Amino acid sequence: MQDTTAAELYAGAAEALGRTVGRAPERAGSTDTGNVSHLLPTIHPMIGYDTGGARQHTDEFAAAGTSEGADRAVLDGAVAMAWTGVAPAAEAGHRERLPAAVYRRAAERKRAAEGRGGPRP
């Protein structure tokens, strides 16, 4: 589950770099990130580049990943992530909200475990 506020911070940072950002649903895709998101505020940001219409997991798609546009996407994505990480340090509201989200998740896990017959590791 994505932290919607952090996802919006990333989207805003990417947009400030001139990127068009689609707002993904809170739950999208299938990654191990979901496991982490039960413990910490987590996002699964994505950034795109021109693949010439190539489908994922093809040789053509891999070749598009060596383009100047792909290199720019990597750099823009890295900068957007860095700005996303700086925001909680720079803005008091985020400094307060993110730890509260961690404690809320821990309490939810504890309640769920108790509902299954006791705490689980």
PDB file of N, CA and C in Angstrom:
ATOM      1  N   MET A   1       0.844  -1.162   0.000  1.00  0.00           N
ATOM      2  CA  MET A   1       0.000   0.000   0.000  1.00  0.00           C
ATOM      3  C   MET A   1       0.901   1.241   0.000  1.00  0.00           C
ATOM      4  N   GLN A   2       0.668   2.106  -0.961  1.00  0.00           N
ATOM      5  CA  GLN A   2       1.467   3.319  -1.036  1.00  0.00           C
ATOM      6  C   GLN A   2       1.014   4.354  -0.012  1.00  0.00           C
ATOM      7  N   ASP A   3       1.970   5.103   0.495  1.00  0.00           N
ATOM      8  CA  ASP A   3       1.666   6.254   1.322  1.00  0.00           C
ATOM      9  C   ASP A   3       1.278   7.371   0.359  1.00  0.00           C
ATOM     10  N   THR A   4       0.017   7.760   0.374  1.00  0.00           N
ATOM     11  CA  THR A   4      -0.474   8.692  -0.635  1.00  0.00           C
ATOM     12  C   THR A   4       0.191  10.064  -0.536  1.00  0.00           C
ATOM     13  N   THR A   5       0.491  10.524   0.664  1.00  0.00           N
ATOM     14  CA  THR A   5       1.143  11.828   0.792  1.00  0.00           C
ATOM     15  C   THR A   5       2.551  11.783   0.208  1.00  0.00           C
ATOM     16  N   ALA A   6       3.302  10.751   0.522  1.00  0.00           N
ATOM     17  CA  ALA A   6       4.657  10.628  -0.023  1.00  0.00           C
ATOM     18  C   ALA A   6       4.609  10.449  -1.542  1.00  0.00           C
ATOM     19  N   ALA A   7       3.624   9.711  -2.032  1.00  0.00           N
ATOM     20  CA  ALA A   7       3.479   9.548  -3.485  1.00  0.00           C
ATOM     21  C   ALA A   7       3.199  10.887  -4.153  1.00  0.00           C
ATOM     22  N   GLU A   8       2.406  11.724  -3.502  1.00  0.00           N
ATOM     23  CA  GLU A   8       2.136  13.062  -4.044  1.00  0.00           C
ATOM     24  C   GLU A   8       3.389  13.935  -4.007  1.00  0.00           C
ATOM     25  N   LEU A   9       4.208  13.788  -2.967  1.00  0.00           N
ATOM     26  CA  LEU A   9       5.469  14.526  -2.917  1.00  0.00           C
ATOM     27  C   LEU A   9       6.345  14.150  -4.103  1.00  0.00           C
ATOM     28  N   TYR A  10       6.427  12.850  -4.395  1.00  0.00           N
ATOM     29  CA  TYR A  10       7.214  12.387  -5.547  1.00  0.00           C
ATOM     30  C   TYR A  10       6.636  12.948  -6.844  1.00  0.00           C
ATOM     31  N   ALA A  11       5.320  12.856  -6.995  1.00  0.00           N
ATOM     32  CA  ALA A  11       4.686  13.338  -8.223  1.00  0.00           C
ATOM     33  C   ALA A  11       4.968  14.826  -8.425  1.00  0.00           C
ATOM     34  N   GLY A  12       4.857  15.607  -7.356  1.00  0.00           N
ATOM     35  CA  GLY A  12       5.141  17.035  -7.456  1.00  0.00           C
ATOM     36  C   GLY A  12       6.589  17.309  -7.836  1.00  0.00           C
ATOM     37  N   ALA A  13       7.497  16.533  -7.261  1.00  0.00           N
ATOM     38  CA  ALA A  13       8.914  16.702  -7.585  1.00  0.00           C
ATOM     39  C   ALA A  13       9.184  16.342  -9.045  1.00  0.00           C
ATOM     40  N   ALA A  14       8.592  15.258  -9.513  1.00  0.00           N
ATOM     41  CA  ALA A  14       8.781  14.850 -10.910  1.00  0.00           C
ATOM     42  C   ALA A  14       8.177  15.887 -11.858  1.00  0.00           C
ATOM     43  N   GLU A  15       7.022  16.407 -11.498  1.00  0.00           N
ATOM     44  CA  GLU A  15       6.385  17.435 -12.330  1.00  0.00           C
ATOM     45  C   GLU A  15       7.224  18.706 -12.368  1.00  0.00           C
ATOM     46  N   ALA A  16       7.883  19.039 -11.257  1.00  0.00           N
ATOM     47  CA  ALA A  16       8.759  20.213 -11.226  1.00  0.00           C
ATOM     48  C   ALA A  16       9.935  20.044 -12.195  1.00  0.00           C
ATOM     49  N   LEU A  17      10.263  18.808 -12.522  1.00  0.00           N
ATOM     50  CA  LEU A  17      11.328  18.520 -13.485  1.00  0.00           C
ATOM     51  C   LEU A  17      10.800  18.435 -14.916  1.00  0.00           C
ATOM     52  N   GLY A  18       9.507  18.717 -15.069  1.00  0.00           N
ATOM     53  CA  GLY A  18       8.925  18.698 -16.402  1.00  0.00           C
ATOM     54  C   GLY A  18       8.329  17.366 -16.808  1.00  0.00           C
ATOM     55  N   ARG A  19       8.228  16.442 -15.880  1.00  0.00           N
ATOM     56  CA  ARG A  19       7.666  15.121 -16.164  1.00  0.00           C
ATOM     57  C   ARG A  19       6.155  15.149 -16.033  1.00  0.00           C
ATOM     58  N   THR A  20       5.492  14.362 -16.853  1.00  0.00           N
ATOM     59  CA  THR A  20       4.061  14.128 -16.706  1.00  0.00           C
ATOM     60  C   THR A  20       3.921  12.890 -15.849  1.00  0.00           C
ATOM     61  N   VAL A  21       3.183  13.010 -14.761  1.00  0.00           N
ATOM     62  CA  VAL A  21       3.087  11.909 -13.801  1.00  0.00           C
ATOM     63  C   VAL A  21       1.647  11.444 -13.720  1.00  0.00           C
ATOM     64  N   GLY A  22       1.456  10.153 -13.945  1.00  0.00           N
ATOM     65  CA  GLY A  22       0.140   9.565 -13.731  1.00  0.00           C
ATOM     66  C   GLY A  22      -0.019   9.240 -12.267  1.00  0.00           C
ATOM     67  N   ARG A  23      -1.171   9.468 -11.734  1.00  0.00           N
ATOM     68  CA  ARG A  23      -1.422   9.155 -10.328  1.00  0.00           C
ATOM     69  C   ARG A  23      -1.882   7.707 -10.257  1.00  0.00           C
ATOM     70  N   ALA A  24      -0.990   6.852  -9.791  1.00  0.00           N
ATOM     71  CA  ALA A  24      -1.317   5.435  -9.669  1.00  0.00           C
ATOM     72  C   ALA A  24      -2.245   5.225  -8.482  1.00  0.00           C
ATOM     73  N   PRO A  25      -3.073   4.211  -8.560  1.00  0.00           N
ATOM     74  CA  PRO A  25      -3.901   3.903  -7.391  1.00  0.00           C
ATOM     75  C   PRO A  25      -3.016   3.534  -6.208  1.00  0.00           C
ATOM     76  N   GLU A  26      -3.608   3.598  -5.026  1.00  0.00           N
ATOM     77  CA  GLU A  26      -2.845   3.305  -3.815  1.00  0.00           C
ATOM     78  C   GLU A  26      -2.215   1.911  -3.898  1.00  0.00           C
ATOM     79  N   ARG A  27      -2.919   0.990  -4.500  1.00  0.00           N
ATOM     80  CA  ARG A  27      -2.393  -0.360  -4.688  1.00  0.00           C
ATOM     81  C   ARG A  27      -2.284  -0.614  -6.182  1.00  0.00           C
ATOM     82  N   ALA A  28      -1.067  -0.809  -6.653  1.00  0.00           N
ATOM     83  CA  ALA A  28      -0.860  -1.052  -8.077  1.00  0.00           C
ATOM     84  C   ALA A  28       0.365  -1.928  -8.246  1.00  0.00           C
ATOM     85  N   GLY A  29       0.314  -2.795  -9.230  1.00  0.00           N
ATOM     86  CA  GLY A  29       1.471  -3.622  -9.519  1.00  0.00           C
ATOM     87  C   GLY A  29       1.634  -4.748  -8.518  1.00  0.00           C
ATOM     88  N   SER A  30       2.711  -5.454  -8.690  1.00  0.00           N
ATOM     89  CA  SER A  30       3.001  -6.583  -7.826  1.00  0.00           C
ATOM     90  C   SER A  30       4.497  -6.597  -7.554  1.00  0.00           C
ATOM     91  N   THR A  31       4.878  -6.172  -6.355  1.00  0.00           N
ATOM     92  CA  THR A  31       6.286  -6.139  -5.985  1.00  0.00           C
ATOM     93  C   THR A  31       6.426  -6.523  -4.518  1.00  0.00           C
ATOM     94  N   ASP A  32       7.646  -6.712  -4.101  1.00  0.00           N
ATOM     95  CA  ASP A  32       7.907  -6.960  -2.683  1.00  0.00           C
ATOM     96  C   ASP A  32       7.758  -5.691  -1.859  1.00  0.00           C
ATOM     97  N   THR A  33       7.561  -4.570  -2.515  1.00  0.00           N
ATOM     98  CA  THR A  33       7.357  -3.318  -1.808  1.00  0.00           C
ATOM     99  C   THR A  33       6.167  -3.423  -0.868  1.00  0.00           C
ATOM    100  N   GLY A  34       5.182  -4.207  -1.246  1.00  0.00           N
ATOM    101  CA  GLY A  34       4.004  -4.368  -0.396  1.00  0.00           C
ATOM    102  C   GLY A  34       4.368  -4.851   0.986  1.00  0.00           C
ATOM    103  N   ASN A  35       5.347  -5.734   1.084  1.00  0.00           N
ATOM    104  CA  ASN A  35       5.775  -6.227   2.390  1.00  0.00           C
ATOM    105  C   ASN A  35       6.340  -5.092   3.238  1.00  0.00           C
ATOM    106  N   VAL A  36       7.145  -4.237   2.625  1.00  0.00           N
ATOM    107  CA  VAL A  36       7.749  -3.116   3.335  1.00  0.00           C
ATOM    108  C   VAL A  36       6.679  -2.130   3.777  1.00  0.00           C
ATOM    109  N   SER A  37       5.670  -1.939   2.927  1.00  0.00           N
ATOM    110  CA  SER A  37       4.654  -0.923   3.207  1.00  0.00           C
ATOM    111  C   SER A  37       3.832  -1.231   4.448  1.00  0.00           C
ATOM    112  N   HIS A  38       3.871  -2.460   4.925  1.00  0.00           N
ATOM    113  CA  HIS A  38       3.165  -2.787   6.167  1.00  0.00           C
ATOM    114  C   HIS A  38       3.921  -2.263   7.388  1.00  0.00           C
ATOM    115  N   LEU A  39       5.201  -1.935   7.183  1.00  0.00           N
ATOM    116  CA  LEU A  39       6.029  -1.468   8.285  1.00  0.00           C
ATOM    117  C   LEU A  39       6.337   0.025   8.218  1.00  0.00           C
ATOM    118  N   LEU A  40       6.542   0.541   7.009  1.00  0.00           N
ATOM    119  CA  LEU A  40       6.986   1.923   6.831  1.00  0.00           C
ATOM    120  C   LEU A  40       6.178   2.617   5.750  1.00  0.00           C
ATOM    121  N   PRO A  41       6.059   3.928   5.831  1.00  0.00           N
ATOM    122  CA  PRO A  41       5.454   4.664   4.718  1.00  0.00           C
ATOM    123  C   PRO A  41       6.279   4.409   3.460  1.00  0.00           C
ATOM    124  N   THR A  42       5.639   3.951   2.422  1.00  0.00           N
ATOM    125  CA  THR A  42       6.326   3.453   1.234  1.00  0.00           C
ATOM    126  C   THR A  42       5.664   3.993  -0.023  1.00  0.00           C
ATOM    127  N   ILE A  43       6.480   4.212  -1.055  1.00  0.00           N
ATOM    128  CA  ILE A  43       5.925   4.534  -2.370  1.00  0.00           C
ATOM    129  C   ILE A  43       6.554   3.617  -3.404  1.00  0.00           C
ATOM    130  N   HIS A  44       5.888   3.506  -4.518  1.00  0.00           N
ATOM    131  CA  HIS A  44       6.400   2.731  -5.651  1.00  0.00           C
ATOM    132  C   HIS A  44       6.344   3.639  -6.874  1.00  0.00           C
ATOM    133  N   PRO A  45       7.278   4.602  -6.929  1.00  0.00           N
ATOM    134  CA  PRO A  45       7.215   5.575  -8.011  1.00  0.00           C
ATOM    135  C   PRO A  45       7.650   4.974  -9.340  1.00  0.00           C
ATOM    136  N   MET A  46       7.113   5.540 -10.387  1.00  0.00           N
ATOM    137  CA  MET A  46       7.493   5.124 -11.732  1.00  0.00           C
ATOM    138  C   MET A  46       7.788   6.365 -12.550  1.00  0.00           C
ATOM    139  N   ILE A  47       8.634   6.190 -13.541  1.00  0.00           N
ATOM    140  CA  ILE A  47       8.931   7.283 -14.460  1.00  0.00           C
ATOM    141  C   ILE A  47       9.085   6.664 -15.844  1.00  0.00           C
ATOM    142  N   GLY A  48       8.630   7.357 -16.840  1.00  0.00           N
ATOM    143  CA  GLY A  48       8.637   6.783 -18.178  1.00  0.00           C
ATOM    144  C   GLY A  48       9.592   7.470 -19.127  1.00  0.00           C
ATOM    145  N   TYR A  49       9.762   6.836 -20.270  1.00  0.00           N
ATOM    146  CA  TYR A  49      10.548   7.388 -21.369  1.00  0.00           C
ATOM    147  C   TYR A  49      10.028   6.756 -22.655  1.00  0.00           C
ATOM    148  N   ASP A  50      10.406   7.346 -23.780  1.00  0.00           N
ATOM    149  CA  ASP A  50       9.920   6.878 -25.080  1.00  0.00           C
ATOM    150  C   ASP A  50      10.557   5.538 -25.427  1.00  0.00           C
ATOM    151  N   THR A  51       9.727   4.547 -25.591  1.00  0.00           N
ATOM    152  CA  THR A  51      10.217   3.216 -25.976  1.00  0.00           C
ATOM    153  C   THR A  51       9.898   2.905 -27.438  1.00  0.00           C
ATOM    154  N   GLY A  52       9.381   3.896 -28.143  1.00  0.00           N
ATOM    155  CA  GLY A  52       9.038   3.667 -29.547  1.00  0.00           C
ATOM    156  C   GLY A  52       7.926   2.654 -29.714  1.00  0.00           C
ATOM    157  N   GLY A  53       7.127   2.492 -28.680  1.00  0.00           N
ATOM    158  CA  GLY A  53       6.021   1.540 -28.751  1.00  0.00           C
ATOM    159  C   GLY A  53       6.406   0.101 -28.437  1.00  0.00           C
ATOM    160  N   ALA A  54       7.643  -0.124 -28.056  1.00  0.00           N
ATOM    161  CA  ALA A  54       8.083  -1.492 -27.747  1.00  0.00           C
ATOM    162  C   ALA A  54       7.375  -2.009 -26.504  1.00  0.00           C
ATOM    163  N   ARG A  55       7.036  -3.272 -26.517  1.00  0.00           N
ATOM    164  CA  ARG A  55       6.404  -3.911 -25.362  1.00  0.00           C
ATOM    165  C   ARG A  55       7.472  -4.288 -24.343  1.00  0.00           C
ATOM    166  N   GLN A  56       7.073  -4.257 -23.071  1.00  0.00           N
ATOM    167  CA  GLN A  56       8.008  -4.623 -22.001  1.00  0.00           C
ATOM    168  C   GLN A  56       8.526  -6.042 -22.194  1.00  0.00           C
ATOM    169  N   HIS A  57       9.744  -6.269 -21.723  1.00  0.00           N
ATOM    170  CA  HIS A  57      10.380  -7.585 -21.718  1.00  0.00           C
ATOM    171  C   HIS A  57      10.690  -8.083 -23.128  1.00  0.00           C
ATOM    172  N   THR A  58      10.951  -7.150 -24.052  1.00  0.00           N
ATOM    173  CA  THR A  58      11.359  -7.523 -25.413  1.00  0.00           C
ATOM    174  C   THR A  58      12.733  -6.935 -25.689  1.00  0.00           C
ATOM    175  N   ASP A  59      13.392  -7.435 -26.727  1.00  0.00           N
ATOM    176  CA  ASP A  59      14.689  -6.884 -27.119  1.00  0.00           C
ATOM    177  C   ASP A  59      14.570  -5.408 -27.493  1.00  0.00           C
ATOM    178  N   GLU A  60      13.477  -5.043 -28.152  1.00  0.00           N
ATOM    179  CA  GLU A  60      13.271  -3.654 -28.550  1.00  0.00           C
ATOM    180  C   GLU A  60      13.132  -2.731 -27.330  1.00  0.00           C
ATOM    181  N   PHE A  61      12.442  -3.235 -26.340  1.00  0.00           N
ATOM    182  CA  PHE A  61      12.281  -2.466 -25.101  1.00  0.00           C
ATOM    183  C   PHE A  61      13.638  -2.282 -24.423  1.00  0.00           C
ATOM    184  N   ALA A  62      14.429  -3.342 -24.378  1.00  0.00           N
ATOM    185  CA  ALA A  62      15.763  -3.262 -23.782  1.00  0.00           C
ATOM    186  C   ALA A  62      16.629  -2.264 -24.538  1.00  0.00           C
ATOM    187  N   ALA A  63      16.536  -2.267 -25.864  1.00  0.00           N
ATOM    188  CA  ALA A  63      17.324  -1.328 -26.663  1.00  0.00           C
ATOM    189  C   ALA A  63      16.902   0.114 -26.373  1.00  0.00           C
ATOM    190  N   ALA A  64      15.615   0.351 -26.189  1.00  0.00           N
ATOM    191  CA  ALA A  64      15.137   1.705 -25.871  1.00  0.00           C
ATOM    192  C   ALA A  64      15.701   2.178 -24.531  1.00  0.00           C
ATOM    193  N   GLY A  65      16.012   1.243 -23.652  1.00  0.00           N
ATOM    194  CA  GLY A  65      16.564   1.578 -22.343  1.00  0.00           C
ATOM    195  C   GLY A  65      17.989   2.099 -22.407  1.00  0.00           C
ATOM    196  N   THR A  66      18.602   2.072 -23.566  1.00  0.00           N
ATOM    197  CA  THR A  66      19.960   2.605 -23.718  1.00  0.00           C
ATOM    198  C   THR A  66      19.950   3.987 -24.364  1.00  0.00           C
ATOM    199  N   SER A  67      18.765   4.551 -24.540  1.00  0.00           N
ATOM    200  CA  SER A  67      18.634   5.839 -25.229  1.00  0.00           C
ATOM    201  C   SER A  67      18.950   7.012 -24.307  1.00  0.00           C
ATOM    202  N   GLU A  68      19.143   8.174 -24.921  1.00  0.00           N
ATOM    203  CA  GLU A  68      19.357   9.394 -24.147  1.00  0.00           C
ATOM    204  C   GLU A  68      18.125   9.704 -23.289  1.00  0.00           C
ATOM    205  N   GLY A  69      16.938   9.435 -23.837  1.00  0.00           N
ATOM    206  CA  GLY A  69      15.715   9.674 -23.072  1.00  0.00           C
ATOM    207  C   GLY A  69      15.619   8.786 -21.842  1.00  0.00           C
ATOM    208  N   ALA A  70      16.086   7.549 -21.962  1.00  0.00           N
ATOM    209  CA  ALA A  70      16.084   6.642 -20.809  1.00  0.00           C
ATOM    210  C   ALA A  70      17.075   7.133 -19.754  1.00  0.00           C
ATOM    211  N   ASP A  71      18.238   7.589 -20.201  1.00  0.00           N
ATOM    212  CA  ASP A  71      19.216   8.142 -19.257  1.00  0.00           C
ATOM    213  C   ASP A  71      18.638   9.352 -18.530  1.00  0.00           C
ATOM    214  N   ARG A  72      17.923  10.211 -19.248  1.00  0.00           N
ATOM    215  CA  ARG A  72      17.307  11.391 -18.632  1.00  0.00           C
ATOM    216  C   ARG A  72      16.259  10.958 -17.618  1.00  0.00           C
ATOM    217  N   ALA A  73      15.499   9.914 -17.930  1.00  0.00           N
ATOM    218  CA  ALA A  73      14.480   9.423 -17.001  1.00  0.00           C
ATOM    219  C   ALA A  73      15.117   8.942 -15.700  1.00  0.00           C
ATOM    220  N   VAL A  74      16.241   8.250 -15.800  1.00  0.00           N
ATOM    221  CA  VAL A  74      16.935   7.771 -14.598  1.00  0.00           C
ATOM    222  C   VAL A  74      17.374   8.958 -13.741  1.00  0.00           C
ATOM    223  N   LEU A  75      17.954   9.954 -14.377  1.00  0.00           N
ATOM    224  CA  LEU A  75      18.413  11.123 -13.624  1.00  0.00           C
ATOM    225  C   LEU A  75      17.241  11.892 -13.023  1.00  0.00           C
ATOM    226  N   ASP A  76      16.192  12.111 -13.809  1.00  0.00           N
ATOM    227  CA  ASP A  76      15.022  12.815 -13.280  1.00  0.00           C
ATOM    228  C   ASP A  76      14.375  12.026 -12.138  1.00  0.00           C
ATOM    229  N   GLY A  77      14.299  10.717 -12.282  1.00  0.00           N
ATOM    230  CA  GLY A  77      13.726   9.888 -11.226  1.00  0.00           C
ATOM    231  C   GLY A  77      14.551   9.967  -9.948  1.00  0.00           C
ATOM    232  N   ALA A  78      15.872   9.980 -10.087  1.00  0.00           N
ATOM    233  CA  ALA A  78      16.751  10.067  -8.919  1.00  0.00           C
ATOM    234  C   ALA A  78      16.592  11.416  -8.214  1.00  0.00           C
ATOM    235  N   VAL A  79      16.511  12.479  -8.997  1.00  0.00           N
ATOM    236  CA  VAL A  79      16.338  13.810  -8.402  1.00  0.00           C
ATOM    237  C   VAL A  79      14.977  13.902  -7.714  1.00  0.00           C
ATOM    238  N   ALA A  80      13.940  13.402  -8.376  1.00  0.00           N
ATOM    239  CA  ALA A  80      12.597  13.435  -7.777  1.00  0.00           C
ATOM    240  C   ALA A  80      12.570  12.637  -6.471  1.00  0.00           C
ATOM    241  N   MET A  81      13.224  11.494  -6.445  1.00  0.00           N
ATOM    242  CA  MET A  81      13.280  10.706  -5.207  1.00  0.00           C
ATOM    243  C   MET A  81      14.048  11.451  -4.119  1.00  0.00           C
ATOM    244  N   ALA A  82      15.147  12.097  -4.500  1.00  0.00           N
ATOM    245  CA  ALA A  82      15.917  12.867  -3.508  1.00  0.00           C
ATOM    246  C   ALA A  82      15.062  13.992  -2.926  1.00  0.00           C
ATOM    247  N   TRP A  83      14.342  14.705  -3.777  1.00  0.00           N
ATOM    248  CA  TRP A  83      13.479  15.780  -3.288  1.00  0.00           C
ATOM    249  C   TRP A  83      12.372  15.216  -2.405  1.00  0.00           C
ATOM    250  N   THR A  84      11.889  14.040  -2.740  1.00  0.00           N
ATOM    251  CA  THR A  84      10.851  13.400  -1.921  1.00  0.00           C
ATOM    252  C   THR A  84      11.404  13.079  -0.534  1.00  0.00           C
ATOM    253  N   GLY A  85      12.648  12.646  -0.484  1.00  0.00           N
ATOM    254  CA  GLY A  85      13.274  12.348   0.800  1.00  0.00           C
ATOM    255  C   GLY A  85      13.596  13.576   1.620  1.00  0.00           C
ATOM    256  N   VAL A  86      13.859  14.693   0.959  1.00  0.00           N
ATOM    257  CA  VAL A  86      14.190  15.933   1.657  1.00  0.00           C
ATOM    258  C   VAL A  86      12.938  16.569   2.262  1.00  0.00           C
ATOM    259  N   ALA A  87      11.809  16.418   1.613  1.00  0.00           N
ATOM    260  CA  ALA A  87      10.584  17.090   2.061  1.00  0.00           C
ATOM    261  C   ALA A  87      10.259  16.824   3.536  1.00  0.00           C
ATOM    262  N   PRO A  88      10.322  15.572   4.015  1.00  0.00           N
ATOM    263  CA  PRO A  88      10.015  15.358   5.440  1.00  0.00           C
ATOM    264  C   PRO A  88      10.995  16.065   6.373  1.00  0.00           C
ATOM    265  N   ALA A  89      12.243  16.192   5.952  1.00  0.00           N
ATOM    266  CA  ALA A  89      13.217  16.884   6.794  1.00  0.00           C
ATOM    267  C   ALA A  89      12.984  18.392   6.780  1.00  0.00           C
ATOM    268  N   ALA A  90      12.441  18.895   5.680  1.00  0.00           N
ATOM    269  CA  ALA A  90      12.288  20.333   5.516  1.00  0.00           C
ATOM    270  C   ALA A  90      10.928  20.857   5.970  1.00  0.00           C
ATOM    271  N   GLU A  91       9.947  19.979   6.094  1.00  0.00           N
ATOM    272  CA  GLU A  91       8.590  20.424   6.396  1.00  0.00           C
ATOM    273  C   GLU A  91       8.081  19.728   7.660  1.00  0.00           C
ATOM    274  N   ALA A  92       7.757  20.517   8.657  1.00  0.00           N
ATOM    275  CA  ALA A  92       7.364  19.984   9.968  1.00  0.00           C
ATOM    276  C   ALA A  92       6.177  19.034   9.881  1.00  0.00           C
ATOM    277  N   GLY A  93       5.206  19.326   9.057  1.00  0.00           N
ATOM    278  CA  GLY A  93       4.030  18.470   8.947  1.00  0.00           C
ATOM    279  C   GLY A  93       4.385  17.047   8.558  1.00  0.00           C
ATOM    280  N   HIS A  94       5.327  16.922   7.644  1.00  0.00           N
ATOM    281  CA  HIS A  94       5.754  15.581   7.225  1.00  0.00           C
ATOM    282  C   HIS A  94       6.582  14.901   8.309  1.00  0.00           C
ATOM    283  N   ARG A  95       7.388  15.679   9.015  1.00  0.00           N
ATOM    284  CA  ARG A  95       8.194  15.099  10.108  1.00  0.00           C
ATOM    285  C   ARG A  95       7.302  14.504  11.177  1.00  0.00           C
ATOM    286  N   GLU A  96       6.138  15.080  11.375  1.00  0.00           N
ATOM    287  CA  GLU A  96       5.216  14.566  12.387  1.00  0.00           C
ATOM    288  C   GLU A  96       4.364  13.426  11.841  1.00  0.00           C
ATOM    289  N   ARG A  97       3.938  13.531  10.604  1.00  0.00           N
ATOM    290  CA  ARG A  97       3.005  12.568  10.030  1.00  0.00           C
ATOM    291  C   ARG A  97       3.647  11.209   9.758  1.00  0.00           C
ATOM    292  N   LEU A  98       4.861  11.194   9.224  1.00  0.00           N
ATOM    293  CA  LEU A  98       5.461   9.918   8.842  1.00  0.00           C
ATOM    294  C   LEU A  98       5.722   8.996  10.036  1.00  0.00           C
ATOM    295  N   PRO A  99       6.310   9.471  11.144  1.00  0.00           N
ATOM    296  CA  PRO A  99       6.449   8.572  12.297  1.00  0.00           C
ATOM    297  C   PRO A  99       5.098   8.109  12.836  1.00  0.00           C
ATOM    298  N   ALA A 100       4.108   8.982  12.800  1.00  0.00           N
ATOM    299  CA  ALA A 100       2.777   8.590  13.259  1.00  0.00           C
ATOM    300  C   ALA A 100       2.240   7.454  12.402  1.00  0.00           C
ATOM    301  N   ALA A 101       2.538   7.483  11.106  1.00  0.00           N
ATOM    302  CA  ALA A 101       2.091   6.404  10.220  1.00  0.00           C
ATOM    303  C   ALA A 101       2.772   5.084  10.583  1.00  0.00           C
ATOM    304  N   VAL A 102       4.037   5.145  10.973  1.00  0.00           N
ATOM    305  CA  VAL A 102       4.748   3.921  11.381  1.00  0.00           C
ATOM    306  C   VAL A 102       4.087   3.335  12.629  1.00  0.00           C
ATOM    307  N   TYR A 103       3.793   4.168  13.621  1.00  0.00           N
ATOM    308  CA  TYR A 103       3.160   3.689  14.854  1.00  0.00           C
ATOM    309  C   TYR A 103       1.754   3.152  14.576  1.00  0.00           C
ATOM    310  N   ARG A 104       1.026   3.801  13.682  1.00  0.00           N
ATOM    311  CA  ARG A 104      -0.321   3.338  13.337  1.00  0.00           C
ATOM    312  C   ARG A 104      -0.247   1.946  12.684  1.00  0.00           C
ATOM    313  N   ARG A 105       0.711   1.751  11.785  1.00  0.00           N
ATOM    314  CA  ARG A 105       0.860   0.438  11.138  1.00  0.00           C
ATOM    315  C   ARG A 105       1.203  -0.640  12.166  1.00  0.00           C
ATOM    316  N   ALA A 106       2.080  -0.312  13.113  1.00  0.00           N
ATOM    317  CA  ALA A 106       2.452  -1.281  14.148  1.00  0.00           C
ATOM    318  C   ALA A 106       1.230  -1.662  14.976  1.00  0.00           C
ATOM    319  N   ALA A 107       0.403  -0.694  15.330  1.00  0.00           N
ATOM    320  CA  ALA A 107      -0.804  -0.983  16.102  1.00  0.00           C
ATOM    321  C   ALA A 107      -1.771  -1.840  15.297  1.00  0.00           C
ATOM    322  N   GLU A 108      -1.893  -1.571  14.008  1.00  0.00           N
ATOM    323  CA  GLU A 108      -2.776  -2.377  13.150  1.00  0.00           C
ATOM    324  C   GLU A 108      -2.288  -3.817  13.061  1.00  0.00           C
ATOM    325  N   ARG A 109      -0.955  -3.996  12.933  1.00  0.00           N
ATOM    326  CA  ARG A 109      -0.397  -5.355  12.883  1.00  0.00           C
ATOM    327  C   ARG A 109      -0.663  -6.092  14.194  1.00  0.00           C
ATOM    328  N   LYS A 110      -0.501  -5.399  15.316  1.00  0.00           N
ATOM    329  CA  LYS A 110      -0.720  -6.014  16.622  1.00  0.00           C
ATOM    330  C   LYS A 110      -2.177  -6.450  16.767  1.00  0.00           C
ATOM    331  N   ARG A 111      -3.110  -5.570  16.386  1.00  0.00           N
ATOM    332  CA  ARG A 111      -4.538  -5.927  16.464  1.00  0.00           C
ATOM    333  C   ARG A 111      -4.850  -7.129  15.565  1.00  0.00           C
ATOM    334  N   ALA A 112      -4.281  -7.135  14.374  1.00  0.00           N
ATOM    335  CA  ALA A 112      -4.522  -8.251  13.453  1.00  0.00           C
ATOM    336  C   ALA A 112      -3.971  -9.549  14.008  1.00  0.00           C
ATOM    337  N   ALA A 113      -2.767  -9.479  14.603  1.00  0.00           N
ATOM    338  CA  ALA A 113      -2.168 -10.680  15.178  1.00  0.00           C
ATOM    339  C   ALA A 113      -2.989 -11.193  16.351  1.00  0.00           C
ATOM    340  N   GLU A 114      -3.467 -10.300  17.169  1.00  0.00           N
ATOM    341  CA  GLU A 114      -4.286 -10.709  18.320  1.00  0.00           C
ATOM    342  C   GLU A 114      -5.578 -11.357  17.856  1.00  0.00           C
ATOM    343  N   GLY A 115      -6.085 -10.893  16.738  1.00  0.00           N
ATOM    344  CA  GLY A 115      -7.308 -11.483  16.169  1.00  0.00           C
ATOM    345  C   GLY A 115      -7.077 -12.884  15.617  1.00  0.00           C
ATOM    346  N   ARG A 116      -5.810 -13.238  15.363  1.00  0.00           N
ATOM    347  CA  ARG A 116      -5.466 -14.577  14.856  1.00  0.00           C
ATOM    348  C   ARG A 116      -5.009 -15.493  15.969  1.00  0.00           C
ATOM    349  N   GLY A 117      -5.160 -15.082  17.199  1.00  0.00           N
ATOM    350  CA  GLY A 117      -4.783 -15.948  18.300  1.00  0.00           C
ATOM    351  C   GLY A 117      -3.465 -15.603  18.962  1.00  0.00           C
ATOM    352  N   GLY A 118      -2.962 -14.424  18.745  1.00  0.00           N
ATOM    353  CA  GLY A 118      -1.754 -14.019  19.446  1.00  0.00           C
ATOM    354  C   GLY A 118      -0.789 -13.309  18.557  1.00  0.00           C
ATOM    355  N   PRO A 119       0.188 -12.655  19.182  1.00  0.00           N
ATOM    356  CA  PRO A 119       1.185 -11.907  18.407  1.00  0.00           C
ATOM    357  C   PRO A 119       2.002 -12.825  17.515  1.00  0.00           C
ATOM    358  N   ARG A 120       2.403 -12.289  16.400  1.00  0.00           N
ATOM    359  CA  ARG A 120       3.270 -13.000  15.458  1.00  0.00           C
ATOM    360  C   ARG A 120       4.522 -12.163  15.233  1.00  0.00           C
ATOM    361  N   PRO A 121       5.603 -12.810  14.892  1.00  0.00           N
ATOM    362  CA  PRO A 121       6.844 -12.034  14.644  1.00  0.00           C
ATOM    363  C   PRO A 121       6.704 -11.130  13.461  1.00  0.00           C
TER     364      PRO A 121
END
